[in-house]
Protein backbone atom coordinates (compact mmCIF):
# COMPACT_ATOMS: atom_id res chain seq x y z
CA MET A 1 -13.36 15.35 7.60
CA ALA A 2 -11.74 13.43 4.75
CA ARG A 3 -13.03 13.87 1.23
CA ARG A 4 -14.50 10.65 -0.22
CA LEU A 5 -13.86 9.76 -3.85
CA TRP A 6 -15.03 6.85 -5.98
CA LEU A 7 -12.16 5.12 -7.75
CA ASP A 8 -12.16 4.31 -11.43
CA THR A 9 -10.33 1.27 -12.76
CA ASN A 10 -7.69 3.29 -14.61
CA VAL A 11 -6.43 4.84 -11.36
CA ILE A 12 -6.05 1.47 -9.63
CA ILE A 13 -4.28 0.02 -12.67
CA ARG A 14 -1.77 2.91 -12.56
CA ILE A 15 -1.17 2.34 -8.83
CA ILE A 16 -0.62 -1.39 -9.35
CA THR A 17 1.41 -1.34 -12.57
CA GLY A 18 3.21 1.99 -12.41
CA ASP A 19 2.36 2.33 -16.09
CA PRO A 20 2.51 4.92 -17.58
CA GLN A 21 4.91 6.52 -15.15
CA GLU A 22 3.45 10.04 -15.23
CA MET A 23 -0.06 8.84 -14.40
CA ALA A 24 1.28 6.41 -11.81
CA GLN A 25 3.09 9.26 -10.06
CA GLU A 26 -0.08 11.33 -9.96
CA ALA A 27 -1.94 8.34 -8.47
CA GLU A 28 0.84 7.85 -5.91
CA ASP A 29 0.56 11.50 -4.90
CA MET A 30 -3.13 10.88 -4.28
CA ILE A 31 -2.27 7.82 -2.17
CA LEU A 32 -0.11 10.06 0.04
CA LYS A 33 -3.22 12.15 0.73
CA VAL A 34 -5.08 8.97 1.65
CA GLU A 35 -2.28 8.00 4.04
CA MET A 36 -2.45 11.47 5.62
CA GLY A 37 -6.20 11.03 6.12
CA GLU A 38 -7.20 13.76 3.69
CA LEU A 39 -8.92 11.36 1.27
CA VAL A 40 -10.93 8.15 1.50
CA LEU A 41 -11.14 6.07 -1.65
CA ARG A 42 -14.35 4.16 -2.37
CA LEU A 43 -14.23 1.01 -4.43
CA SER A 44 -17.12 -0.78 -6.13
CA ALA A 45 -17.30 -4.44 -7.12
CA ILE A 46 -17.63 -3.52 -10.80
CA VAL A 47 -14.30 -1.69 -10.67
CA VAL A 48 -12.65 -4.72 -9.04
CA ALA A 49 -14.08 -6.87 -11.85
CA GLU A 50 -12.69 -4.55 -14.49
CA CYS A 51 -9.29 -4.50 -12.74
CA CYS A 52 -9.19 -8.30 -12.86
CA TRP A 53 -10.02 -8.26 -16.55
CA VAL A 54 -7.47 -5.55 -17.48
CA LEU A 55 -4.67 -7.05 -15.41
CA GLU A 56 -5.28 -10.54 -16.77
CA SER A 57 -5.94 -9.68 -20.42
CA PHE A 58 -3.73 -6.66 -21.12
CA TYR A 59 -0.94 -7.04 -18.54
CA GLU A 60 -1.06 -10.87 -18.65
CA ALA A 61 -0.90 -11.09 -14.86
CA GLN A 62 -1.69 -14.37 -13.16
CA PRO A 63 -4.97 -14.67 -11.21
CA THR A 64 -3.09 -15.45 -7.99
CA ASP A 65 -1.05 -12.25 -8.30
CA ILE A 66 -4.14 -10.23 -9.21
CA SER A 67 -6.08 -11.65 -6.28
CA ASP A 68 -3.25 -11.05 -3.80
CA THR A 69 -2.74 -7.47 -4.98
CA LEU A 70 -6.42 -6.54 -4.98
CA LEU A 71 -7.02 -8.20 -1.60
CA LYS A 72 -4.28 -6.01 -0.15
CA PHE A 73 -5.79 -2.98 -1.85
CA THR A 74 -9.28 -3.71 -0.47
CA ASN A 75 -7.78 -3.98 3.02
CA ALA A 76 -5.72 -0.80 2.79
CA ILE A 77 -6.37 1.96 5.28
CA GLY A 78 -8.36 4.68 3.58
CA VAL A 79 -10.04 2.34 1.10
CA GLU A 80 -13.73 1.53 1.55
CA THR A 81 -14.84 -1.45 -0.53
CA GLU A 82 -18.53 -1.97 -1.14
CA GLU A 83 -19.63 -5.48 -0.20
CA LYS A 84 -16.11 -6.07 1.07
CA PRO A 85 -16.63 -9.67 2.30
CA VAL A 86 -18.31 -10.63 -0.99
CA VAL A 87 -15.63 -8.95 -3.12
CA GLN A 88 -12.83 -10.52 -1.11
CA GLN A 89 -14.40 -14.00 -1.31
CA ALA A 90 -14.79 -13.52 -5.06
CA LEU A 91 -11.11 -12.57 -5.35
CA LEU A 92 -10.12 -15.71 -3.43
CA ASP A 93 -12.35 -17.91 -5.61
CA PHE A 94 -11.18 -16.18 -8.81
CA SER A 95 -7.66 -17.28 -7.96
CA ALA A 96 -8.13 -20.62 -6.22
CA LYS A 97 -10.96 -22.04 -8.30
CA LYS A 98 -9.80 -20.72 -11.65
CA VAL A 99 -13.02 -18.99 -12.66
CA ASP A 100 -13.76 -15.52 -13.99
CA PHE A 101 -14.05 -12.87 -11.29
CA VAL A 102 -17.63 -12.08 -12.33
CA ASP A 103 -18.72 -15.70 -11.86
CA ALA A 104 -16.95 -15.81 -8.50
CA TYR A 105 -18.64 -12.55 -7.52
CA ILE A 106 -22.11 -13.79 -8.52
CA ALA A 107 -21.61 -16.94 -6.42
CA ALA A 108 -20.26 -15.03 -3.41
CA HIS A 109 -23.04 -12.45 -3.71
CA ALA A 110 -25.71 -15.17 -3.93
CA LYS A 111 -24.30 -16.94 -0.86
CA ALA A 112 -24.40 -13.66 1.07
CA ASN A 113 -27.93 -12.83 -0.14
CA PRO A 114 -30.06 -16.02 -0.14
CA PRO A 115 -31.57 -17.74 -1.89
CA GLU A 116 -28.27 -18.81 -3.31
CA ASP A 117 -29.49 -20.58 -6.43
CA VAL A 118 -27.96 -19.34 -9.68
CA VAL A 119 -29.38 -19.89 -13.15
CA THR A 120 -26.65 -20.32 -15.75
CA TRP A 121 -25.25 -22.50 -18.50
CA ASP A 122 -21.74 -21.92 -17.13
CA LYS A 123 -20.19 -25.11 -15.74
CA HIS A 124 -17.66 -23.09 -13.71
CA TYR A 125 -20.27 -22.90 -10.98
CA ASN A 126 -19.49 -26.56 -10.21
CA ARG A 127 -16.21 -25.28 -8.77
CA LEU A 128 -17.90 -22.54 -6.74
CA ASP A 129 -19.88 -24.83 -4.43
CA ILE A 130 -23.21 -23.19 -5.13
CA SER A 131 -26.58 -24.51 -6.21
CA HIS A 132 -27.09 -23.77 -9.89
CA ASP A 133 -29.12 -25.02 -12.81
CA ARG A 134 -29.92 -24.35 -16.45
CA PRO A 135 -32.73 -21.93 -17.35
CA GLY A 136 -34.84 -24.79 -18.77
CA ASN A 137 -34.88 -26.61 -15.46
């Protein structure tokens, strides 16, 4: 039986960026164990959110590239993503609708777990096709 491990953001960032090289190599060695079926990597939505933030803010990656890369990662053999359909929809909306990943996640999560009304002051929800209103209403 394969050992299951929760992934932290810093490991995924090393896999994606190859930076720094020494850490990236260690992460790649771990990926070989995943490919051999020795390990299963577990991925939470909060780690995906942090990956989006780090890749966009520090590495200055474009949301479309981030979304494409993380969608591939969430679909990789040996990777179990919590709330996979919600996380993947959020990644698509993050890129296509030009909103923060967290807002896209909240909308996708609400749609998957009715009622889907969101209370917020954030006008980005207009782009996410979800019922939302201000706290005072």
